[in-house]
Structures are given as C-alpha cells and as structure tokens.
C-alpha atoms as a PDB file:
ATOM      1  CA  MET A   1      19.601 -39.057  -8.333  1.00  0.00           C
ATOM      2  CA  THR A   2      17.501 -36.178  -9.623  1.00  0.00           C
ATOM      3  CA  HIS A   3      13.781 -36.499  -8.916  1.00  0.00           C
ATOM      4  CA  PHE A   4      11.737 -37.138 -12.081  1.00  0.00           C
ATOM      5  CA  TYR A   5       8.169 -35.875 -12.430  1.00  0.00           C
ATOM      6  CA  PRO A   6       6.909 -36.673 -15.892  1.00  0.00           C
ATOM      7  CA  HIS A   7       4.450 -33.794 -16.167  1.00  0.00           C
ATOM      8  CA  THR A   8       6.598 -30.777 -15.094  1.00  0.00           C
ATOM      9  CA  TYR A   9       6.251 -28.773 -18.297  1.00  0.00           C
ATOM     10  CA  GLU A  10       2.473 -29.424 -18.519  1.00  0.00           C
ATOM     11  CA  PHE A  11       2.087 -28.609 -14.811  1.00  0.00           C
ATOM     12  CA  PHE A  12       3.477 -25.110 -15.146  1.00  0.00           C
ATOM     13  CA  GLU A  13       2.053 -24.493 -18.582  1.00  0.00           C
ATOM     14  CA  ARG A  14      -1.468 -24.959 -17.237  1.00  0.00           C
ATOM     15  CA  LEU A  15      -0.868 -22.700 -14.257  1.00  0.00           C
ATOM     16  CA  GLN A  16       0.625 -20.100 -16.534  1.00  0.00           C
ATOM     17  CA  LYS A  17      -2.370 -20.217 -18.828  1.00  0.00           C
ATOM     18  CA  ARG A  18      -4.693 -19.456 -15.868  1.00  0.00           C
ATOM     19  CA  ASN A  19      -2.481 -16.654 -14.516  1.00  0.00           C
ATOM     20  CA  PRO A  20       0.125 -15.422 -16.969  1.00  0.00           C
ATOM     21  CA  HIS A  21       1.549 -12.761 -14.693  1.00  0.00           C
ATOM     22  CA  PRO A  22       1.293 -13.854 -11.078  1.00  0.00           C
ATOM     23  CA  GLU A  23       2.399 -11.404  -8.345  1.00  0.00           C
ATOM     24  CA  THR A  24       2.847 -11.437  -4.587  1.00  0.00           C
ATOM     25  CA  GLU A  25      -0.262 -10.530  -2.657  1.00  0.00           C
ATOM     26  CA  LEU A  26       1.733  -8.451  -0.262  1.00  0.00           C
ATOM     27  CA  THR A  27       1.372  -4.685  -0.744  1.00  0.00           C
ATOM     28  CA  TYR A  28       4.704  -2.845  -1.189  1.00  0.00           C
ATOM     29  CA  THR A  29       6.274   0.033  -3.095  1.00  0.00           C
ATOM     30  CA  ASP A  30       9.958  -0.767  -3.115  1.00  0.00           C
ATOM     31  CA  PRO A  31      12.485  -3.372  -1.870  1.00  0.00           C
ATOM     32  CA  TYR A  32      12.410  -2.044   1.688  1.00  0.00           C
ATOM     33  CA  THR A  33       8.670  -2.039   2.193  1.00  0.00           C
ATOM     34  CA  LEU A  34       8.642  -5.518   0.598  1.00  0.00           C
ATOM     35  CA  LEU A  35      11.246  -6.741   3.037  1.00  0.00           C
ATOM     36  CA  VAL A  36       9.264  -5.375   5.984  1.00  0.00           C
ATOM     37  CA  ALA A  37       6.064  -6.959   4.707  1.00  0.00           C
ATOM     38  CA  VAL A  38       7.761 -10.305   4.171  1.00  0.00           C
ATOM     39  CA  VAL A  39       9.127 -10.301   7.735  1.00  0.00           C
ATOM     40  CA  LEU A  40       5.692  -9.464   9.071  1.00  0.00           C
ATOM     41  CA  SER A  41       4.101 -12.213   6.994  1.00  0.00           C
ATOM     42  CA  ALA A  42       5.758 -15.094   8.842  1.00  0.00           C
ATOM     43  CA  GLN A  43       2.963 -17.214  10.358  1.00  0.00           C
ATOM     44  CA  SER A  44       0.504 -14.506   9.317  1.00  0.00           C
ATOM     45  CA  THR A  45      -1.764 -13.917   6.326  1.00  0.00           C
ATOM     46  CA  ASP A  46      -0.928 -11.510   3.561  1.00  0.00           C
ATOM     47  CA  LYS A  47      -4.337  -9.872   4.090  1.00  0.00           C
ATOM     48  CA  GLY A  48      -3.577  -9.217   7.742  1.00  0.00           C
ATOM     49  CA  VAL A  49      -0.135  -7.828   6.939  1.00  0.00           C
ATOM     50  CA  ASN A  50      -1.527  -5.506   4.232  1.00  0.00           C
ATOM     51  CA  LYS A  51      -4.084  -4.137   6.601  1.00  0.00           C
ATOM     52  CA  ALA A  52      -1.343  -3.245   9.115  1.00  0.00           C
ATOM     53  CA  THR A  53       1.149  -1.865   6.627  1.00  0.00           C
ATOM     54  CA  GLU A  54      -1.405   0.387   4.950  1.00  0.00           C
ATOM     55  CA  SER A  55      -1.060   2.749   7.936  1.00  0.00           C
ATOM     56  CA  LEU A  56       2.479   1.842   8.876  1.00  0.00           C
ATOM     57  CA  PHE A  57       4.021   2.729   5.479  1.00  0.00           C
ATOM     58  CA  GLN A  58       2.408   6.159   5.538  1.00  0.00           C
ATOM     59  CA  VAL A  59       4.645   7.110   8.466  1.00  0.00           C
ATOM     60  CA  ALA A  60       7.641   4.748   8.096  1.00  0.00           C
ATOM     61  CA  ASN A  61       8.531   3.572   4.596  1.00  0.00           C
ATOM     62  CA  THR A  62      12.356   3.904   4.864  1.00  0.00           C
ATOM     63  CA  PRO A  63      14.878   2.367   7.262  1.00  0.00           C
ATOM     64  CA  GLU A  64      15.588   5.826   8.710  1.00  0.00           C
ATOM     65  CA  LYS A  65      11.929   6.556   9.409  1.00  0.00           C
ATOM     66  CA  MET A  66      11.412   3.083  10.876  1.00  0.00           C
ATOM     67  CA  VAL A  67      14.314   3.502  13.280  1.00  0.00           C
ATOM     68  CA  ASP A  68      12.909   6.881  14.285  1.00  0.00           C
ATOM     69  CA  LEU A  69       9.545   5.233  14.911  1.00  0.00           C
ATOM     70  CA  GLY A  70      11.185   2.790  17.293  1.00  0.00           C
ATOM     71  CA  ILE A  71      10.082  -0.617  18.629  1.00  0.00           C
ATOM     72  CA  GLU A  72       7.186   0.655  20.775  1.00  0.00           C
ATOM     73  CA  GLY A  73       5.971   3.000  18.043  1.00  0.00           C
ATOM     74  CA  LEU A  74       6.081   0.183  15.501  1.00  0.00           C
ATOM     75  CA  LYS A  75       4.135  -2.158  17.795  1.00  0.00           C
ATOM     76  CA  LYS A  76       1.142   0.155  17.654  1.00  0.00           C
ATOM     77  CA  TYR A  77       0.828  -0.447  13.944  1.00  0.00           C
ATOM     78  CA  ILE A  78       1.446  -4.178  13.869  1.00  0.00           C
ATOM     79  CA  LYS A  79      -0.222  -5.421  17.134  1.00  0.00           C
ATOM     80  CA  THR A  80      -2.885  -7.247  15.105  1.00  0.00           C
ATOM     81  CA  ILE A  81      -0.203  -9.464  13.538  1.00  0.00           C
ATOM     82  CA  GLY A  82       1.013 -12.650  15.262  1.00  0.00           C
ATOM     83  CA  LEU A  83       4.354 -12.518  17.036  1.00  0.00           C
ATOM     84  CA  TYR A  84       4.347  -8.752  16.700  1.00  0.00           C
ATOM     85  CA  ASN A  85       6.670  -8.162  19.656  1.00  0.00           C
ATOM     86  CA  ASN A  86       9.484 -10.162  18.159  1.00  0.00           C
ATOM     87  CA  LYS A  87       8.786  -8.881  14.603  1.00  0.00           C
ATOM     88  CA  ALA A  88       8.981  -5.305  15.835  1.00  0.00           C
ATOM     89  CA  LYS A  89      12.455  -5.954  17.300  1.00  0.00           C
ATOM     90  CA  ASN A  90      13.587  -7.603  14.070  1.00  0.00           C
ATOM     91  CA  ILE A  91      12.291  -4.870  11.805  1.00  0.00           C
ATOM     92  CA  ILE A  92      13.976  -2.113  13.857  1.00  0.00           C
ATOM     93  CA  GLY A  93      17.143  -4.219  13.983  1.00  0.00           C
ATOM     94  CA  LEU A  94      17.258  -4.913  10.278  1.00  0.00           C
ATOM     95  CA  SER A  95      16.522  -1.233   9.540  1.00  0.00           C
ATOM     96  CA  ARG A  96      19.510  -0.228  11.598  1.00  0.00           C
ATOM     97  CA  LEU A  97      21.754  -2.706   9.821  1.00  0.00           C
ATOM     98  CA  LEU A  98      20.572  -1.527   6.417  1.00  0.00           C
ATOM     99  CA  ILE A  99      21.633   1.998   7.353  1.00  0.00           C
ATOM    100  CA  GLU A 100      24.940   0.895   8.906  1.00  0.00           C
ATOM    101  CA  ARG A 101      26.036  -1.660   6.344  1.00  0.00           C
ATOM    102  CA  HIS A 102      24.151  -0.939   3.110  1.00  0.00           C
ATOM    103  CA  ASN A 103      23.577   2.826   2.977  1.00  0.00           C
ATOM    104  CA  GLY A 104      19.896   2.295   3.704  1.00  0.00           C
ATOM    105  CA  GLN A 105      19.413   0.023   0.697  1.00  0.00           C
ATOM    106  CA  VAL A 106      18.198  -3.545   0.645  1.00  0.00           C
ATOM    107  CA  PRO A 107      20.988  -5.849  -0.602  1.00  0.00           C
ATOM    108  CA  SER A 108      20.361  -8.028  -3.589  1.00  0.00           C
ATOM    109  CA  ASP A 109      22.235 -11.121  -2.439  1.00  0.00           C
ATOM    110  CA  ARG A 110      21.074 -13.943  -0.189  1.00  0.00           C
ATOM    111  CA  ILE A 111      23.979 -13.910   2.247  1.00  0.00           C
ATOM    112  CA  SER A 112      23.542 -10.243   3.076  1.00  0.00           C
ATOM    113  CA  LEU A 113      19.780 -10.652   3.386  1.00  0.00           C
ATOM    114  CA  GLU A 114      20.013 -13.629   5.680  1.00  0.00           C
ATOM    115  CA  ALA A 115      22.347 -11.667   7.945  1.00  0.00           C
ATOM    116  CA  LEU A 116      19.478  -9.335   8.759  1.00  0.00           C
ATOM    117  CA  PRO A 117      17.332  -9.995  11.882  1.00  0.00           C
ATOM    118  CA  GLY A 118      14.184 -11.948  11.080  1.00  0.00           C
ATOM    119  CA  VAL A 119      15.222 -12.846   7.553  1.00  0.00           C
ATOM    120  CA  GLY A 120      15.605 -16.572   6.831  1.00  0.00           C
ATOM    121  CA  ARG A 121      16.187 -18.359   3.585  1.00  0.00           C
ATOM    122  CA  LYS A 122      12.559 -18.326   2.530  1.00  0.00           C
ATOM    123  CA  SER A 123      12.150 -14.605   3.236  1.00  0.00           C
ATOM    124  CA  ALA A 124      15.412 -13.821   1.429  1.00  0.00           C
ATOM    125  CA  ASN A 125      14.268 -15.794  -1.583  1.00  0.00           C
ATOM    126  CA  VAL A 126      10.983 -13.879  -1.744  1.00  0.00           C
ATOM    127  CA  VAL A 127      12.785 -10.573  -1.708  1.00  0.00           C
ATOM    128  CA  LEU A 128      15.318 -11.722  -4.339  1.00  0.00           C
ATOM    129  CA  SER A 129      12.519 -12.946  -6.618  1.00  0.00           C
ATOM    130  CA  VAL A 130      10.010 -10.143  -6.261  1.00  0.00           C
ATOM    131  CA  ALA A 131      12.232  -7.110  -5.781  1.00  0.00           C
ATOM    132  CA  PHE A 132      15.285  -8.142  -7.800  1.00  0.00           C
ATOM    133  CA  HIS A 133      13.723 -10.536 -10.364  1.00  0.00           C
ATOM    134  CA  GLN A 134      16.039 -13.396  -9.535  1.00  0.00           C
ATOM    135  CA  ASP A 135      14.883 -16.994 -10.121  1.00  0.00           C
ATOM    136  CA  THR A 136      14.404 -18.362  -6.617  1.00  0.00           C
ATOM    137  CA  PHE A 137      12.088 -20.864  -5.004  1.00  0.00           C
ATOM    138  CA  PRO A 138      10.871 -19.667  -1.576  1.00  0.00           C
ATOM    139  CA  VAL A 139       9.234 -22.726   0.027  1.00  0.00           C
ATOM    140  CA  ASP A 140       6.479 -21.789   2.445  1.00  0.00           C
ATOM    141  CA  THR A 141       3.756 -24.108   3.800  1.00  0.00           C
ATOM    142  CA  HIS A 142       1.705 -23.830   0.610  1.00  0.00           C
ATOM    143  CA  MET A 143       4.617 -24.700  -1.644  1.00  0.00           C
ATOM    144  CA  PHE A 144       5.742 -27.521   0.623  1.00  0.00           C
ATOM    145  CA  ARG A 145       2.248 -29.014   0.633  1.00  0.00           C
ATOM    146  CA  VAL A 146       1.603 -28.704  -3.151  1.00  0.00           C
ATOM    147  CA  CYS A 147       5.024 -29.986  -4.125  1.00  0.00           C
ATOM    148  CA  ASN A 148       4.685 -33.082  -1.938  1.00  0.00           C
ATOM    149  CA  ARG A 149       0.988 -33.716  -2.562  1.00  0.00           C
ATOM    150  CA  THR A 150       1.203 -33.497  -6.378  1.00  0.00           C
ATOM    151  CA  GLY A 151       4.520 -35.327  -6.596  1.00  0.00           C
ATOM    152  CA  LEU A 152       6.085 -32.371  -8.393  1.00  0.00           C
ATOM    153  CA  ALA A 153       8.970 -31.936  -5.904  1.00  0.00           C
ATOM    154  CA  PRO A 154       8.597 -34.170  -2.868  1.00  0.00           C
ATOM    155  CA  GLY A 155      10.892 -33.568   0.087  1.00  0.00           C
ATOM    156  CA  LYS A 156      11.085 -34.020   3.831  1.00  0.00           C
ATOM    157  CA  THR A 157      12.218 -30.440   4.394  1.00  0.00           C
ATOM    158  CA  PRO A 158      11.666 -27.098   2.628  1.00  0.00           C
ATOM    159  CA  LYS A 159      15.315 -27.136   1.548  1.00  0.00           C
ATOM    160  CA  ASP A 160      14.794 -30.572  -0.070  1.00  0.00           C
ATOM    161  CA  VAL A 161      11.809 -29.206  -1.993  1.00  0.00           C
ATOM    162  CA  GLU A 162      13.755 -26.084  -2.954  1.00  0.00           C
ATOM    163  CA  ARG A 163      16.689 -28.098  -4.308  1.00  0.00           C
ATOM    164  CA  THR A 164      14.393 -30.317  -6.385  1.00  0.00           C
ATOM    165  CA  LEU A 165      12.553 -27.334  -7.857  1.00  0.00           C
ATOM    166  CA  GLU A 166      15.892 -25.771  -8.774  1.00  0.00           C
ATOM    167  CA  ALA A 167      16.747 -28.905 -10.682  1.00  0.00           C
ATOM    168  CA  ILE A 168      13.436 -29.597 -12.496  1.00  0.00           C
ATOM    169  CA  VAL A 169      11.653 -26.314 -13.277  1.00  0.00           C
ATOM    170  CA  PRO A 170      12.006 -25.581 -17.015  1.00  0.00           C
ATOM    171  CA  PRO A 171      13.548 -22.175 -17.950  1.00  0.00           C
ATOM    172  CA  PRO A 172      10.358 -20.592 -19.314  1.00  0.00           C
ATOM    173  CA  PHE A 173       8.666 -21.021 -15.883  1.00  0.00           C
ATOM    174  CA  ARG A 174      11.477 -20.451 -13.357  1.00  0.00           C
ATOM    175  CA  HIS A 175      10.762 -16.845 -12.483  1.00  0.00           C
ATOM    176  CA  HIS A 176       7.026 -17.249 -11.659  1.00  0.00           C
ATOM    177  CA  ALA A 177       7.085 -20.871 -10.525  1.00  0.00           C
ATOM    178  CA  HIS A 178       6.888 -20.134  -6.841  1.00  0.00           C
ATOM    179  CA  HIS A 179       4.031 -17.668  -7.253  1.00  0.00           C
ATOM    180  CA  TRP A 180       1.973 -20.151  -9.250  1.00  0.00           C
ATOM    181  CA  ILE A 181       2.535 -22.865  -6.685  1.00  0.00           C
ATOM    182  CA  VAL A 182       1.830 -20.647  -3.667  1.00  0.00           C
ATOM    183  CA  LEU A 183      -1.404 -19.258  -5.157  1.00  0.00           C
ATOM    184  CA  HIS A 184      -2.454 -22.779  -6.177  1.00  0.00           C
ATOM    185  CA  GLY A 185      -1.971 -23.956  -2.635  1.00  0.00           C
ATOM    186  CA  ARG A 186      -3.677 -20.942  -1.124  1.00  0.00           C
ATOM    187  CA  TYR A 187      -6.881 -21.123  -3.146  1.00  0.00           C
ATOM    188  CA  ILE A 188      -7.247 -24.606  -4.700  1.00  0.00           C
ATOM    189  CA  CYS A 189      -4.837 -27.193  -3.197  1.00  0.00           C
ATOM    190  CA  THR A 190      -5.748 -26.164   0.361  1.00  0.00           C
ATOM    191  CA  ALA A 191      -4.588 -28.072   3.417  1.00  0.00           C
ATOM    192  CA  ILE A 192      -8.114 -29.123   4.346  1.00  0.00           C
ATOM    193  CA  LYS A 193     -10.596 -30.176   1.674  1.00  0.00           C
ATOM    194  CA  PRO A 194      -8.529 -29.417  -1.435  1.00  0.00           C
ATOM    195  CA  LYS A 195     -10.740 -28.321  -4.348  1.00  0.00           C
ATOM    196  CA  CYS A 196      -9.747 -31.188  -6.660  1.00  0.00           C
ATOM    197  CA  MET A 197     -12.899 -30.894  -8.746  1.00  0.00           C
ATOM    198  CA  ILE A 198     -11.877 -27.490 -10.073  1.00  0.00           C
ATOM    199  CA  CYS A 199      -8.095 -28.089 -10.051  1.00  0.00           C
ATOM    200  CA  PRO A 200      -6.494 -27.536 -13.489  1.00  0.00           C
ATOM    201  CA  ILE A 201      -3.776 -30.134 -12.783  1.00  0.00           C
ATOM    202  CA  SER A 202      -5.704 -32.857 -10.975  1.00  0.00           C
ATOM    203  CA  ASP A 203      -4.974 -35.372 -13.733  1.00  0.00           C
ATOM    204  CA  LEU A 204      -1.257 -34.718 -13.150  1.00  0.00           C
ATOM    205  CA  CYS A 205      -1.447 -34.996  -9.380  1.00  0.00           C
ATOM    206  CA  ASP A 206      -0.276 -38.088  -7.439  1.00  0.00           C
ATOM    207  CA  TYR A 207      -2.654 -37.316  -4.563  1.00  0.00           C
ATOM    208  CA  TYR A 208      -5.736 -37.023  -6.771  1.00  0.00           C
ATOM    209  CA  GLN A 209      -4.854 -40.086  -8.802  1.00  0.00           C
ATOM    210  CA  THR A 210      -4.418 -42.111  -5.601  1.00  0.00           C
ATOM    211  CA  ARG A 211      -7.784 -40.941  -4.300  1.00  0.00           C
ATOM    212  CA  ALA A 212      -9.436 -41.844  -7.618  1.00  0.00           C
ATOM    213  CA  GLN A 213      -7.965 -45.339  -7.576  1.00  0.00           C
ATOM    214  CA  CYS A 214      -9.031 -45.875  -3.957  1.00  0.00           C
ATOM    215  CA  ALA A 215     -12.542 -44.763  -4.850  1.00  0.00           C
ATOM    216  CA  ILE A 216     -12.666 -47.351  -7.636  1.00  0.00           C
ATOM    217  CA  LEU A 217     -11.497 -50.116  -5.283  1.00  0.00           C
END
C-alpha cells in the first residue's frame, strides 16, 4: 500500500516559496568535478569538501589530470577530509574507469555510475539530479531524518524512503525535492534541538504535533 501523507503538496509548496531555486552546496564546474566532490562528501561536510577542492580542482579537474596526480598526490589535497585514504583510492580508480570505459566523460545512467569505485546509490542519484537534471531522490542522513520525523516519507532504510518519495512527490516539485529536504534538515530540522519555532512546516509535522500534544497533557 502506498504511504499517504495528507500535506505533501503544501509541504513542498512552502519550502519552494522560501527557496525557489535550491542548489547543491558543493562547489563544482562540470559533471566530473561534481562526481569527485560527491565522493569526497561521504561522512564529511560540504564546507570541508569545498575547502579542499578549491585547491585540488586548480591542478586536477579532469580524469586524466587526476590520474596523473596519483593517489599520494591527491592525498595532499584532501587530507583534512574524513576517510581520505580510501577516498583517494576511489577517486583515482573511478577516474581511470571513466577514461577506459566512457572516454573520460561521466555517464548519465545509474548503473554505470554505481559501477565506479566509491559511488553508491545516493551518490549516483546526486550526480544524476544535479549534473543531468534527472528527477531522483538521494537519501542522506538529513533526508532520512526529515522524512521520518515529519511523516512525509517514513521508512526503515534509505531505500524505503526513496521509494516512498518516488511515489508521492507531486510533479511540480520532483526535481528540487531532495534539495529542499536536505537544506531543511541541515539548517532547521537538525538532529539535535530542531528549530521548530521557525520551521515553515511545523504545523504539518508529525513530530512537532506529537510534542505539542505531549506539552498540553
């Protein structure tokens, strides 16, 4: 049975009104630099990734240049980012595969993207959405929290949440939906001490309504 959230249209309409044209906070110039930034962003902040890639992309902004830089050379630029040793191996590995299999171009389909080292479903969905303007729903920790907390798209796993979003998000909001939810979770519906008093959708939120009822009791 398809999950039913009675305020879906209103939910996204309000977030759209506050931010009509949301964008990723990762700094990039093309699909390749976006892919690298997305891989680096796993378990790291966008701010930290942007600080590292500012210098990195000046010397290696193509698969060919990245392979020439090498794993050890890459580590020097990304050592401030968590899990940088493994991420360096993955980035060099995916750069080689892009050259060998895709003529140095980032593929625009999920299967090919997920075949690259360090690229899972969430990362692939981000690239497909941002670089290729496809309607996808990359579920990170912010999206998972907001969708469950509000009741918009509850699920036990990120894939559960993604499936529900695919089924319920109205056409006018599908392309930007994940950006609105991520930014909402990052700045308002935070994991600790969510800012319910300034939340534009608190009256539509299961979590807030439960808290309000408990306060009355």
